[in-house]
PDB file of N, CA and C in Angstrom:
ATOM      1  N   MET A   1       0.859  -1.175   0.000  1.00  0.00           N
ATOM      2  CA  MET A   1       0.000   0.000   0.000  1.00  0.00           C
ATOM      3  C   MET A   1       0.899   1.229   0.000  1.00  0.00           C
ATOM      4  N   GLY A   2       0.581   2.175  -0.861  1.00  0.00           N
ATOM      5  CA  GLY A   2       1.375   3.381  -0.970  1.00  0.00           C
ATOM      6  C   GLY A   2       1.066   4.389   0.118  1.00  0.00           C
ATOM      7  N   ALA A   3       2.017   5.266   0.325  1.00  0.00           N
ATOM      8  CA  ALA A   3       1.890   6.276   1.374  1.00  0.00           C
ATOM      9  C   ALA A   3       0.696   7.201   1.131  1.00  0.00           C
ATOM     10  N   HIS A   4       0.417   7.534  -0.127  1.00  0.00           N
ATOM     11  CA  HIS A   4      -0.697   8.443  -0.404  1.00  0.00           C
ATOM     12  C   HIS A   4      -2.031   7.813  -0.016  1.00  0.00           C
ATOM     13  N   GLU A   5      -2.243   6.553  -0.424  1.00  0.00           N
ATOM     14  CA  GLU A   5      -3.489   5.872  -0.093  1.00  0.00           C
ATOM     15  C   GLU A   5      -3.673   5.770   1.413  1.00  0.00           C
ATOM     16  N   LEU A   6      -2.595   5.454   2.108  1.00  0.00           N
ATOM     17  CA  LEU A   6      -2.673   5.368   3.570  1.00  0.00           C
ATOM     18  C   LEU A   6      -2.944   6.722   4.200  1.00  0.00           C
ATOM     19  N   SER A   7      -2.329   7.772   3.670  1.00  0.00           N
ATOM     20  CA  SER A   7      -2.563   9.095   4.263  1.00  0.00           C
ATOM     21  C   SER A   7      -4.002   9.546   4.048  1.00  0.00           C
ATOM     22  N   MET A   8      -4.590   9.213   2.893  1.00  0.00           N
ATOM     23  CA  MET A   8      -5.991   9.564   2.644  1.00  0.00           C
ATOM     24  C   MET A   8      -6.917   8.743   3.533  1.00  0.00           C
ATOM     25  N   ALA A   9      -6.619   7.457   3.694  1.00  0.00           N
ATOM     26  CA  ALA A   9      -7.433   6.616   4.577  1.00  0.00           C
ATOM     27  C   ALA A   9      -7.329   7.107   6.019  1.00  0.00           C
ATOM     28  N   ARG A  10      -6.141   7.491   6.420  1.00  0.00           N
ATOM     29  CA  ARG A  10      -5.965   7.990   7.791  1.00  0.00           C
ATOM     30  C   ARG A  10      -6.736   9.289   7.994  1.00  0.00           C
ATOM     31  N   ARG A  11      -6.713  10.161   6.999  1.00  0.00           N
ATOM     32  CA  ARG A  11      -7.465  11.426   7.077  1.00  0.00           C
ATOM     33  C   ARG A  11      -8.955  11.140   7.254  1.00  0.00           C
ATOM     34  N   LEU A  12      -9.464  10.178   6.485  1.00  0.00           N
ATOM     35  CA  LEU A  12     -10.876   9.792   6.604  1.00  0.00           C
ATOM     36  C   LEU A  12     -11.152   9.190   7.973  1.00  0.00           C
ATOM     37  N   TYR A  13     -10.322   8.239   8.373  1.00  0.00           N
ATOM     38  CA  TYR A  13     -10.474   7.578   9.673  1.00  0.00           C
ATOM     39  C   TYR A  13     -10.526   8.607  10.797  1.00  0.00           C
ATOM     40  N   GLU A  14      -9.555   9.515  10.821  1.00  0.00           N
ATOM     41  CA  GLU A  14      -9.490  10.511  11.890  1.00  0.00           C
ATOM     42  C   GLU A  14     -10.636  11.513  11.802  1.00  0.00           C
ATOM     43  N   GLY A  15     -11.146  11.748  10.593  1.00  0.00           N
ATOM     44  CA  GLY A  15     -12.229  12.701  10.417  1.00  0.00           C
ATOM     45  C   GLY A  15     -13.583  12.206  10.879  1.00  0.00           C
ATOM     46  N   VAL A  16     -13.757  10.889  10.923  1.00  0.00           N
ATOM     47  CA  VAL A  16     -15.069  10.351  11.310  1.00  0.00           C
ATOM     48  C   VAL A  16     -15.044   9.564  12.617  1.00  0.00           C
ATOM     49  N   ALA A  17     -13.878   9.244  13.132  1.00  0.00           N
ATOM     50  CA  ALA A  17     -13.770   8.370  14.312  1.00  0.00           C
ATOM     51  C   ALA A  17     -14.500   8.916  15.534  1.00  0.00           C
ATOM     52  N   ASP A  18     -14.567  10.228  15.689  1.00  0.00           N
ATOM     53  CA  ASP A  18     -15.189  10.831  16.867  1.00  0.00           C
ATOM     54  C   ASP A  18     -16.580  11.395  16.603  1.00  0.00           C
ATOM     55  N   VAL A  19     -17.138  11.109  15.436  1.00  0.00           N
ATOM     56  CA  VAL A  19     -18.468  11.626  15.114  1.00  0.00           C
ATOM     57  C   VAL A  19     -19.498  10.823  15.910  1.00  0.00           C
ATOM     58  N   PRO A  20     -20.353  11.497  16.689  1.00  0.00           N
ATOM     59  CA  PRO A  20     -21.388  10.772  17.438  1.00  0.00           C
ATOM     60  C   PRO A  20     -22.267   9.943  16.496  1.00  0.00           C
ATOM     61  N   GLY A  21     -22.476   8.693  16.860  1.00  0.00           N
ATOM     62  CA  GLY A  21     -23.294   7.799  16.061  1.00  0.00           C
ATOM     63  C   GLY A  21     -22.525   7.020  15.010  1.00  0.00           C
ATOM     64  N   VAL A  22     -21.253   7.331  14.822  1.00  0.00           N
ATOM     65  CA  VAL A  22     -20.445   6.619  13.832  1.00  0.00           C
ATOM     66  C   VAL A  22     -19.530   5.638  14.556  1.00  0.00           C
ATOM     67  N   THR A  23     -19.540   4.400  14.092  1.00  0.00           N
ATOM     68  CA  THR A  23     -18.623   3.382  14.587  1.00  0.00           C
ATOM     69  C   THR A  23     -17.638   3.076  13.472  1.00  0.00           C
ATOM     70  N   VAL A  24     -16.348   3.251  13.756  1.00  0.00           N
ATOM     71  CA  VAL A  24     -15.301   2.907  12.792  1.00  0.00           C
ATOM     72  C   VAL A  24     -14.658   1.621  13.286  1.00  0.00           C
ATOM     73  N   TYR A  25     -14.533   0.657  12.401  1.00  0.00           N
ATOM     74  CA  TYR A  25     -13.997  -0.649  12.777  1.00  0.00           C
ATOM     75  C   TYR A  25     -12.499  -0.685  12.520  1.00  0.00           C
ATOM     76  N   GLY A  26     -11.783  -1.240  13.499  1.00  0.00           N
ATOM     77  CA  GLY A  26     -10.328  -1.279  13.413  1.00  0.00           C
ATOM     78  C   GLY A  26      -9.745  -0.035  14.044  1.00  0.00           C
ATOM     79  N   ASP A  27      -8.454  -0.058  14.229  1.00  0.00           N
ATOM     80  CA  ASP A  27      -7.787   1.130  14.741  1.00  0.00           C
ATOM     81  C   ASP A  27      -6.644   1.469  13.805  1.00  0.00           C
ATOM     82  N   TRP A  28      -6.028   2.590  14.077  1.00  0.00           N
ATOM     83  CA  TRP A  28      -4.918   2.989  13.235  1.00  0.00           C
ATOM     84  C   TRP A  28      -3.630   2.648  13.972  1.00  0.00           C
ATOM     85  N   PRO A  29      -2.795   1.818  13.363  1.00  0.00           N
ATOM     86  CA  PRO A  29      -1.555   1.447  14.050  1.00  0.00           C
ATOM     87  C   PRO A  29      -0.658   2.659  14.244  1.00  0.00           C
ATOM     88  N   ALA A  30       0.093   2.623  15.300  1.00  0.00           N
ATOM     89  CA  ALA A  30       0.990   3.734  15.618  1.00  0.00           C
ATOM     90  C   ALA A  30       2.255   3.625  14.775  1.00  0.00           C
ATOM     91  N   LEU A  31       2.088   3.703  13.472  1.00  0.00           N
ATOM     92  CA  LEU A  31       3.219   3.672  12.549  1.00  0.00           C
ATOM     93  C   LEU A  31       3.278   4.990  11.799  1.00  0.00           C
ATOM     94  N   GLU A  32       4.456   5.392  11.467  1.00  0.00           N
ATOM     95  CA  GLU A  32       4.610   6.567  10.629  1.00  0.00           C
ATOM     96  C   GLU A  32       4.305   6.168   9.188  1.00  0.00           C
ATOM     97  N   LEU A  33       3.775   7.098   8.417  1.00  0.00           N
ATOM     98  CA  LEU A  33       3.520   6.801   7.011  1.00  0.00           C
ATOM     99  C   LEU A  33       4.842   6.441   6.348  1.00  0.00           C
ATOM    100  N   GLY A  34       4.796   5.495   5.465  1.00  0.00           N
ATOM    101  CA  GLY A  34       5.998   5.048   4.787  1.00  0.00           C
ATOM    102  C   GLY A  34       6.557   3.767   5.388  1.00  0.00           C
ATOM    103  N   GLU A  35       6.210   3.485   6.635  1.00  0.00           N
ATOM    104  CA  GLU A  35       6.629   2.230   7.253  1.00  0.00           C
ATOM    105  C   GLU A  35       5.703   1.116   6.787  1.00  0.00           C
ATOM    106  N   ALA A  36       6.176  -0.106   6.926  1.00  0.00           N
ATOM    107  CA  ALA A  36       5.317  -1.250   6.606  1.00  0.00           C
ATOM    108  C   ALA A  36       4.094  -1.194   7.510  1.00  0.00           C
ATOM    109  N   SER A  37       2.948  -1.467   6.950  1.00  0.00           N
ATOM    110  CA  SER A  37       1.713  -1.347   7.717  1.00  0.00           C
ATOM    111  C   SER A  37       0.789  -2.509   7.420  1.00  0.00           C
ATOM    112  N   ALA A  38       0.051  -2.891   8.429  1.00  0.00           N
ATOM    113  CA  ALA A  38      -0.979  -3.910   8.249  1.00  0.00           C
ATOM    114  C   ALA A  38      -2.255  -3.273   7.709  1.00  0.00           C
ATOM    115  N   ARG A  39      -2.329  -1.954   7.678  1.00  0.00           N
ATOM    116  CA  ARG A  39      -3.509  -1.248   7.178  1.00  0.00           C
ATOM    117  C   ARG A  39      -3.511  -1.210   5.664  1.00  0.00           C
ATOM    118  N   THR A  40      -4.712  -1.048   5.118  1.00  0.00           N
ATOM    119  CA  THR A  40      -4.883  -0.791   3.693  1.00  0.00           C
ATOM    120  C   THR A  40      -5.642   0.522   3.562  1.00  0.00           C
ATOM    121  N   GLY A  41      -5.911   0.922   2.351  1.00  0.00           N
ATOM    122  CA  GLY A  41      -6.634   2.162   2.123  1.00  0.00           C
ATOM    123  C   GLY A  41      -8.134   1.994   2.226  1.00  0.00           C
ATOM    124  N   VAL A  42      -8.596   1.233   3.194  1.00  0.00           N
ATOM    125  CA  VAL A  42     -10.029   0.983   3.389  1.00  0.00           C
ATOM    126  C   VAL A  42     -10.421   1.415   4.796  1.00  0.00           C
ATOM    127  N   VAL A  43     -11.518   2.155   4.894  1.00  0.00           N
ATOM    128  CA  VAL A  43     -12.094   2.521   6.184  1.00  0.00           C
ATOM    129  C   VAL A  43     -13.486   1.902   6.228  1.00  0.00           C
ATOM    130  N   ALA A  44     -13.738   1.121   7.272  1.00  0.00           N
ATOM    131  CA  ALA A  44     -15.012   0.423   7.441  1.00  0.00           C
ATOM    132  C   ALA A  44     -15.766   1.054   8.598  1.00  0.00           C
ATOM    133  N   LEU A  45     -17.047   1.375   8.368  1.00  0.00           N
ATOM    134  CA  LEU A  45     -17.818   2.074   9.393  1.00  0.00           C
ATOM    135  C   LEU A  45     -19.293   1.772   9.295  1.00  0.00           C
ATOM    136  N   ASN A  46     -20.003   2.184  10.322  1.00  0.00           N
ATOM    137  CA  ASN A  46     -21.465   2.184  10.353  1.00  0.00           C
ATOM    138  C   ASN A  46     -21.931   3.489  10.955  1.00  0.00           C
ATOM    139  N   VAL A  47     -23.159   3.850  10.622  1.00  0.00           N
ATOM    140  CA  VAL A  47     -23.773   5.058  11.162  1.00  0.00           C
ATOM    141  C   VAL A  47     -25.006   4.647  11.948  1.00  0.00           C
ATOM    142  N   SER A  48     -24.955   4.893  13.246  1.00  0.00           N
ATOM    143  CA  SER A  48     -26.053   4.581  14.163  1.00  0.00           C
ATOM    144  C   SER A  48     -26.680   3.240  13.848  1.00  0.00           C
ATOM    145  N   GLY A  49     -27.993   3.184  13.854  1.00  0.00           N
ATOM    146  CA  GLY A  49     -28.692   1.936  13.581  1.00  0.00           C
ATOM    147  C   GLY A  49     -29.073   1.780  12.124  1.00  0.00           C
ATOM    148  N   LEU A  50     -28.508   2.593  11.242  1.00  0.00           N
ATOM    149  CA  LEU A  50     -28.869   2.516   9.830  1.00  0.00           C
ATOM    150  C   LEU A  50     -28.258   1.292   9.171  1.00  0.00           C
ATOM    151  N   ASP A  51     -29.014   0.687   8.274  1.00  0.00           N
ATOM    152  CA  ASP A  51     -28.487  -0.410   7.486  1.00  0.00           C
ATOM    153  C   ASP A  51     -27.359   0.125   6.598  1.00  0.00           C
ATOM    154  N   SER A  52     -26.329  -0.679   6.390  1.00  0.00           N
ATOM    155  CA  SER A  52     -25.184  -0.219   5.604  1.00  0.00           C
ATOM    156  C   SER A  52     -25.588   0.172   4.181  1.00  0.00           C
ATOM    157  N   ALA A  53     -26.590  -0.498   3.620  1.00  0.00           N
ATOM    158  CA  ALA A  53     -27.050  -0.146   2.275  1.00  0.00           C
ATOM    159  C   ALA A  53     -27.708   1.232   2.254  1.00  0.00           C
ATOM    160  N   GLU A  54     -28.415   1.593   3.341  1.00  0.00           N
ATOM    161  CA  GLU A  54     -29.018   2.926   3.425  1.00  0.00           C
ATOM    162  C   GLU A  54     -27.939   4.004   3.427  1.00  0.00           C
ATOM    163  N   VAL A  55     -26.896   3.776   4.192  1.00  0.00           N
ATOM    164  CA  VAL A  55     -25.794   4.744   4.271  1.00  0.00           C
ATOM    165  C   VAL A  55     -25.101   4.839   2.911  1.00  0.00           C
ATOM    166  N   SER A  56     -24.848   3.698   2.305  1.00  0.00           N
ATOM    167  CA  SER A  56     -24.200   3.678   0.997  1.00  0.00           C
ATOM    168  C   SER A  56     -25.032   4.419  -0.046  1.00  0.00           C
ATOM    169  N   ASP A  57     -26.341   4.162  -0.050  1.00  0.00           N
ATOM    170  CA  ASP A  57     -27.230   4.851  -0.990  1.00  0.00           C
ATOM    171  C   ASP A  57     -27.236   6.354  -0.747  1.00  0.00           C
ATOM    172  N   ALA A  58     -27.269   6.761   0.515  1.00  0.00           N
ATOM    173  CA  ALA A  58     -27.270   8.189   0.837  1.00  0.00           C
ATOM    174  C   ALA A  58     -25.978   8.850   0.368  1.00  0.00           C
ATOM    175  N   LEU A  59     -24.854   8.178   0.547  1.00  0.00           N
ATOM    176  CA  LEU A  59     -23.576   8.737   0.104  1.00  0.00           C
ATOM    177  C   LEU A  59     -23.538   8.892  -1.411  1.00  0.00           C
ATOM    178  N   MET A  60     -24.068   7.907  -2.126  1.00  0.00           N
ATOM    179  CA  MET A  60     -24.090   7.994  -3.597  1.00  0.00           C
ATOM    180  C   MET A  60     -25.083   9.038  -4.072  1.00  0.00           C
ATOM    181  N   ASP A  61     -26.308   8.997  -3.540  1.00  0.00           N
ATOM    182  CA  ASP A  61     -27.352   9.914  -4.002  1.00  0.00           C
ATOM    183  C   ASP A  61     -27.059  11.362  -3.651  1.00  0.00           C
ATOM    184  N   GLY A  62     -26.542  11.602  -2.458  1.00  0.00           N
ATOM    185  CA  GLY A  62     -26.323  12.975  -2.014  1.00  0.00           C
ATOM    186  C   GLY A  62     -24.996  13.587  -2.399  1.00  0.00           C
ATOM    187  N   TRP A  63     -23.968  12.744  -2.541  1.00  0.00           N
ATOM    188  CA  TRP A  63     -22.624  13.283  -2.739  1.00  0.00           C
ATOM    189  C   TRP A  63     -21.851  12.598  -3.858  1.00  0.00           C
ATOM    190  N   GLY A  64     -22.429  11.592  -4.495  1.00  0.00           N
ATOM    191  CA  GLY A  64     -21.727  10.883  -5.560  1.00  0.00           C
ATOM    192  C   GLY A  64     -20.552  10.054  -5.067  1.00  0.00           C
ATOM    193  N   ILE A  65     -20.636   9.612  -3.809  1.00  0.00           N
ATOM    194  CA  ILE A  65     -19.558   8.821  -3.211  1.00  0.00           C
ATOM    195  C   ILE A  65     -19.911   7.343  -3.313  1.00  0.00           C
ATOM    196  N   ALA A  66     -19.094   6.592  -4.035  1.00  0.00           N
ATOM    197  CA  ALA A  66     -19.315   5.159  -4.198  1.00  0.00           C
ATOM    198  C   ALA A  66     -18.663   4.406  -3.042  1.00  0.00           C
ATOM    199  N   THR A  67     -19.438   3.508  -2.435  1.00  0.00           N
ATOM    200  CA  THR A  67     -18.939   2.688  -1.327  1.00  0.00           C
ATOM    201  C   THR A  67     -19.386   1.255  -1.565  1.00  0.00           C
ATOM    202  N   ARG A  68     -18.973   0.385  -0.678  1.00  0.00           N
ATOM    203  CA  ARG A  68     -19.444  -1.000  -0.743  1.00  0.00           C
ATOM    204  C   ARG A  68     -20.069  -1.362   0.592  1.00  0.00           C
ATOM    205  N   PRO A  69     -21.386  -1.563   0.603  1.00  0.00           N
ATOM    206  CA  PRO A  69     -22.056  -1.957   1.844  1.00  0.00           C
ATOM    207  C   PRO A  69     -22.240  -3.462   1.916  1.00  0.00           C
ATOM    208  N   GLY A  70     -22.590  -3.948   3.094  1.00  0.00           N
ATOM    209  CA  GLY A  70     -22.996  -5.335   3.220  1.00  0.00           C
ATOM    210  C   GLY A  70     -22.072  -6.188   4.047  1.00  0.00           C
ATOM    211  N   ALA A  71     -22.092  -7.484   3.722  1.00  0.00           N
ATOM    212  CA  ALA A  71     -21.365  -8.471   4.516  1.00  0.00           C
ATOM    213  C   ALA A  71     -19.996  -8.806   3.940  1.00  0.00           C
ATOM    214  N   HIS A  72     -19.718  -8.395   2.708  1.00  0.00           N
ATOM    215  CA  HIS A  72     -18.389  -8.547   2.108  1.00  0.00           C
ATOM    216  C   HIS A  72     -17.873  -9.974   2.156  1.00  0.00           C
ATOM    217  N   CYS A  73     -18.773 -10.928   1.999  1.00  0.00           N
ATOM    218  CA  CYS A  73     -18.401 -12.358   1.989  1.00  0.00           C
ATOM    219  C   CYS A  73     -17.620 -12.752   3.236  1.00  0.00           C
ATOM    220  N   ALA A  74     -17.965 -12.148   4.363  1.00  0.00           N
ATOM    221  CA  ALA A  74     -17.251 -12.421   5.616  1.00  0.00           C
ATOM    222  C   ALA A  74     -18.228 -12.618   6.767  1.00  0.00           C
ATOM    223  N   PRO A  75     -19.076 -13.637   6.712  1.00  0.00           N
ATOM    224  CA  PRO A  75     -20.096 -13.792   7.752  1.00  0.00           C
ATOM    225  C   PRO A  75     -19.529 -14.003   9.153  1.00  0.00           C
ATOM    226  N   LEU A  76     -18.414 -14.680   9.273  1.00  0.00           N
ATOM    227  CA  LEU A  76     -17.847 -14.904  10.607  1.00  0.00           C
ATOM    228  C   LEU A  76     -17.320 -13.605  11.213  1.00  0.00           C
ATOM    229  N   MET A  77     -16.738 -12.752  10.389  1.00  0.00           N
ATOM    230  CA  MET A  77     -16.290 -11.454  10.878  1.00  0.00           C
ATOM    231  C   MET A  77     -17.489 -10.635  11.359  1.00  0.00           C
ATOM    232  N   HIS A  78     -18.563 -10.648  10.585  1.00  0.00           N
ATOM    233  CA  HIS A  78     -19.751  -9.880  10.973  1.00  0.00           C
ATOM    234  C   HIS A  78     -20.399 -10.449  12.229  1.00  0.00           C
ATOM    235  N   ARG A  79     -20.350 -11.748  12.377  1.00  0.00           N
ATOM    236  CA  ARG A  79     -20.865 -12.353  13.606  1.00  0.00           C
ATOM    237  C   ARG A  79     -20.035 -11.865  14.794  1.00  0.00           C
ATOM    238  N   ALA A  80     -18.722 -11.853  14.650  1.00  0.00           N
ATOM    239  CA  ALA A  80     -17.834 -11.409  15.732  1.00  0.00           C
ATOM    240  C   ALA A  80     -18.048  -9.937  16.070  1.00  0.00           C
ATOM    241  N   LEU A  81     -18.340  -9.119  15.052  1.00  0.00           N
ATOM    242  CA  LEU A  81     -18.542  -7.682  15.271  1.00  0.00           C
ATOM    243  C   LEU A  81     -19.974  -7.335  15.661  1.00  0.00           C
ATOM    244  N   GLY A  82     -20.891  -8.292  15.508  1.00  0.00           N
ATOM    245  CA  GLY A  82     -22.291  -8.014  15.795  1.00  0.00           C
ATOM    246  C   GLY A  82     -22.961  -7.207  14.704  1.00  0.00           C
ATOM    247  N   THR A  83     -22.468  -7.308  13.482  1.00  0.00           N
ATOM    248  CA  THR A  83     -23.005  -6.529  12.362  1.00  0.00           C
ATOM    249  C   THR A  83     -23.648  -7.410  11.296  1.00  0.00           C
ATOM    250  N   GLU A  84     -24.106  -8.598  11.698  1.00  0.00           N
ATOM    251  CA  GLU A  84     -24.678  -9.530  10.726  1.00  0.00           C
ATOM    252  C   GLU A  84     -25.882  -8.942   9.995  1.00  0.00           C
ATOM    253  N   ARG A  85     -26.741  -8.237  10.684  1.00  0.00           N
ATOM    254  CA  ARG A  85     -27.938  -7.669  10.049  1.00  0.00           C
ATOM    255  C   ARG A  85     -27.643  -6.330   9.371  1.00  0.00           C
ATOM    256  N   GLN A  86     -26.804  -5.531   9.971  1.00  0.00           N
ATOM    257  CA  GLN A  86     -26.530  -4.175   9.491  1.00  0.00           C
ATOM    258  C   GLN A  86     -25.501  -4.154   8.368  1.00  0.00           C
ATOM    259  N   GLY A  87     -24.541  -5.067   8.405  1.00  0.00           N
ATOM    260  CA  GLY A  87     -23.431  -5.004   7.464  1.00  0.00           C
ATOM    261  C   GLY A  87     -22.491  -3.877   7.861  1.00  0.00           C
ATOM    262  N   ILE A  88     -21.594  -3.537   6.977  1.00  0.00           N
ATOM    263  CA  ILE A  88     -20.621  -2.459   7.195  1.00  0.00           C
ATOM    264  C   ILE A  88     -20.465  -1.712   5.881  1.00  0.00           C
ATOM    265  N   VAL A  89     -20.211  -0.413   5.964  1.00  0.00           N
ATOM    266  CA  VAL A  89     -19.927   0.407   4.791  1.00  0.00           C
ATOM    267  C   VAL A  89     -18.406   0.530   4.668  1.00  0.00           C
ATOM    268  N   ARG A  90     -17.883   0.204   3.487  1.00  0.00           N
ATOM    269  CA  ARG A  90     -16.448   0.334   3.249  1.00  0.00           C
ATOM    270  C   ARG A  90     -16.198   1.442   2.248  1.00  0.00           C
ATOM    271  N   LEU A  91     -15.273   2.318   2.615  1.00  0.00           N
ATOM    272  CA  LEU A  91     -14.810   3.376   1.716  1.00  0.00           C
ATOM    273  C   LEU A  91     -13.344   3.102   1.428  1.00  0.00           C
ATOM    274  N   SER A  92     -12.969   3.153   0.170  1.00  0.00           N
ATOM    275  CA  SER A  92     -11.598   2.854  -0.234  1.00  0.00           C
ATOM    276  C   SER A  92     -10.925   4.082  -0.825  1.00  0.00           C
ATOM    277  N   THR A  93      -9.625   4.185  -0.585  1.00  0.00           N
ATOM    278  CA  THR A  93      -8.832   5.265  -1.161  1.00  0.00           C
ATOM    279  C   THR A  93      -7.908   4.693  -2.227  1.00  0.00           C
ATOM    280  N   SER A  94      -7.413   5.576  -3.083  1.00  0.00           N
ATOM    281  CA  SER A  94      -6.488   5.161  -4.131  1.00  0.00           C
ATOM    282  C   SER A  94      -5.467   6.268  -4.363  1.00  0.00           C
ATOM    283  N   TRP A  95      -4.605   6.018  -5.298  1.00  0.00           N
ATOM    284  CA  TRP A  95      -3.593   7.017  -5.664  1.00  0.00           C
ATOM    285  C   TRP A  95      -4.267   8.311  -6.125  1.00  0.00           C
ATOM    286  N   PHE A  96      -5.462   8.200  -6.689  1.00  0.00           N
ATOM    287  CA  PHE A  96      -6.149   9.352  -7.265  1.00  0.00           C
ATOM    288  C   PHE A  96      -7.033  10.101  -6.273  1.00  0.00           C
ATOM    289  N   THR A  97      -7.231   9.571  -5.081  1.00  0.00           N
ATOM    290  CA  THR A  97      -8.073  10.220  -4.075  1.00  0.00           C
ATOM    291  C   THR A  97      -7.421  11.509  -3.607  1.00  0.00           C
ATOM    292  N   THR A  98      -8.220  12.577  -3.549  1.00  0.00           N
ATOM    293  CA  THR A  98      -7.686  13.872  -3.122  1.00  0.00           C
ATOM    294  C   THR A  98      -8.130  14.194  -1.694  1.00  0.00           C
ATOM    295  N   PRO A  99      -7.383  15.065  -1.024  1.00  0.00           N
ATOM    296  CA  PRO A  99      -7.815  15.505   0.310  1.00  0.00           C
ATOM    297  C   PRO A  99      -9.206  16.142   0.285  1.00  0.00           C
ATOM    298  N   GLU A 100      -9.523  16.849  -0.790  1.00  0.00           N
ATOM    299  CA  GLU A 100     -10.836  17.482  -0.898  1.00  0.00           C
ATOM    300  C   GLU A 100     -11.943  16.433  -0.959  1.00  0.00           C
ATOM    301  N   GLU A 101     -11.712  15.336  -1.670  1.00  0.00           N
ATOM    302  CA  GLU A 101     -12.704  14.260  -1.727  1.00  0.00           C
ATOM    303  C   GLU A 101     -12.905  13.624  -0.354  1.00  0.00           C
ATOM    304  N   ILE A 102     -11.816  13.469   0.377  1.00  0.00           N
ATOM    305  CA  ILE A 102     -11.923  12.907   1.727  1.00  0.00           C
ATOM    306  C   ILE A 102     -12.721  13.849   2.613  1.00  0.00           C
ATOM    307  N   ASP A 103     -12.462  15.142   2.493  1.00  0.00           N
ATOM    308  CA  ASP A 103     -13.194  16.114   3.309  1.00  0.00           C
ATOM    309  C   ASP A 103     -14.684  16.113   2.986  1.00  0.00           C
ATOM    310  N   VAL A 104     -15.034  15.935   1.714  1.00  0.00           N
ATOM    311  CA  VAL A 104     -16.448  15.824   1.335  1.00  0.00           C
ATOM    312  C   VAL A 104     -17.056  14.577   1.978  1.00  0.00           C
ATOM    313  N   ALA A 105     -16.339  13.461   1.940  1.00  0.00           N
ATOM    314  CA  ALA A 105     -16.838  12.224   2.545  1.00  0.00           C
ATOM    315  C   ALA A 105     -17.029  12.384   4.045  1.00  0.00           C
ATOM    316  N   ILE A 106     -16.091  13.036   4.700  1.00  0.00           N
ATOM    317  CA  ILE A 106     -16.209  13.278   6.147  1.00  0.00           C
ATOM    318  C   ILE A 106     -17.457  14.109   6.431  1.00  0.00           C
ATOM    319  N   GLY A 107     -17.641  15.176   5.680  1.00  0.00           N
ATOM    320  CA  GLY A 107     -18.824  16.019   5.869  1.00  0.00           C
ATOM    321  C   GLY A 107     -20.110  15.268   5.604  1.00  0.00           C
ATOM    322  N   ALA A 108     -20.115  14.428   4.581  1.00  0.00           N
ATOM    323  CA  ALA A 108     -21.309  13.645   4.249  1.00  0.00           C
ATOM    324  C   ALA A 108     -21.650  12.668   5.365  1.00  0.00           C
ATOM    325  N   ILE A 109     -20.651  11.986   5.874  1.00  0.00           N
ATOM    326  CA  ILE A 109     -20.886  11.024   6.963  1.00  0.00           C
ATOM    327  C   ILE A 109     -21.376  11.751   8.209  1.00  0.00           C
ATOM    328  N   ARG A 110     -20.799  12.894   8.508  1.00  0.00           N
ATOM    329  CA  ARG A 110     -21.272  13.700   9.640  1.00  0.00           C
ATOM    330  C   ARG A 110     -22.731  14.073   9.460  1.00  0.00           C
ATOM    331  N   GLU A 111     -23.095  14.501   8.253  1.00  0.00           N
ATOM    332  CA  GLU A 111     -24.477  14.917   7.982  1.00  0.00           C
ATOM    333  C   GLU A 111     -25.434  13.744   8.122  1.00  0.00           C
ATOM    334  N   ILE A 112     -25.072  12.596   7.587  1.00  0.00           N
ATOM    335  CA  ILE A 112     -25.933  11.406   7.712  1.00  0.00           C
ATOM    336  C   ILE A 112     -26.102  11.025   9.185  1.00  0.00           C
ATOM    337  N   ALA A 113     -25.041  11.118   9.941  1.00  0.00           N
ATOM    338  CA  ALA A 113     -25.100  10.746  11.370  1.00  0.00           C
ATOM    339  C   ALA A 113     -25.974  11.705  12.175  1.00  0.00           C
ATOM    340  N   GLU A 114     -26.067  12.951  11.737  1.00  0.00           N
ATOM    341  CA  GLU A 114     -26.870  13.958  12.441  1.00  0.00           C
ATOM    342  C   GLU A 114     -28.356  13.809  12.179  1.00  0.00           C
ATOM    343  N   GLU A 115     -28.708  13.155  11.086  1.00  0.00           N
ATOM    344  CA  GLU A 115     -30.143  13.028  10.714  1.00  0.00           C
ATOM    345  C   GLU A 115     -30.881  12.120  11.652  1.00  0.00           C
TER     346      GLU A 115
END
């Protein structure tokens, strides 16, 4: 995973981790960017009691943000997390992701959580 993708994922993670009603799964390892990391450019979250598909649809319809909701072919992980019915919303970063796009996603997630 490249440093840019990780820095964008970290920006997203830190931007939504403290939003009331938002649960972010996983933590951010205490590594400096550029070091080997177990993290990827994916941030997995849920918003309150909303189904992950509802959150995903709201992000696409309101802000044009594509995500992947659901169980992600990982039923045992969802059982362990207690998200079997809700699923999880995954947002991915890439080399092309900009800080401005991350900031829009953070604002969108905040807005959905406030509703």
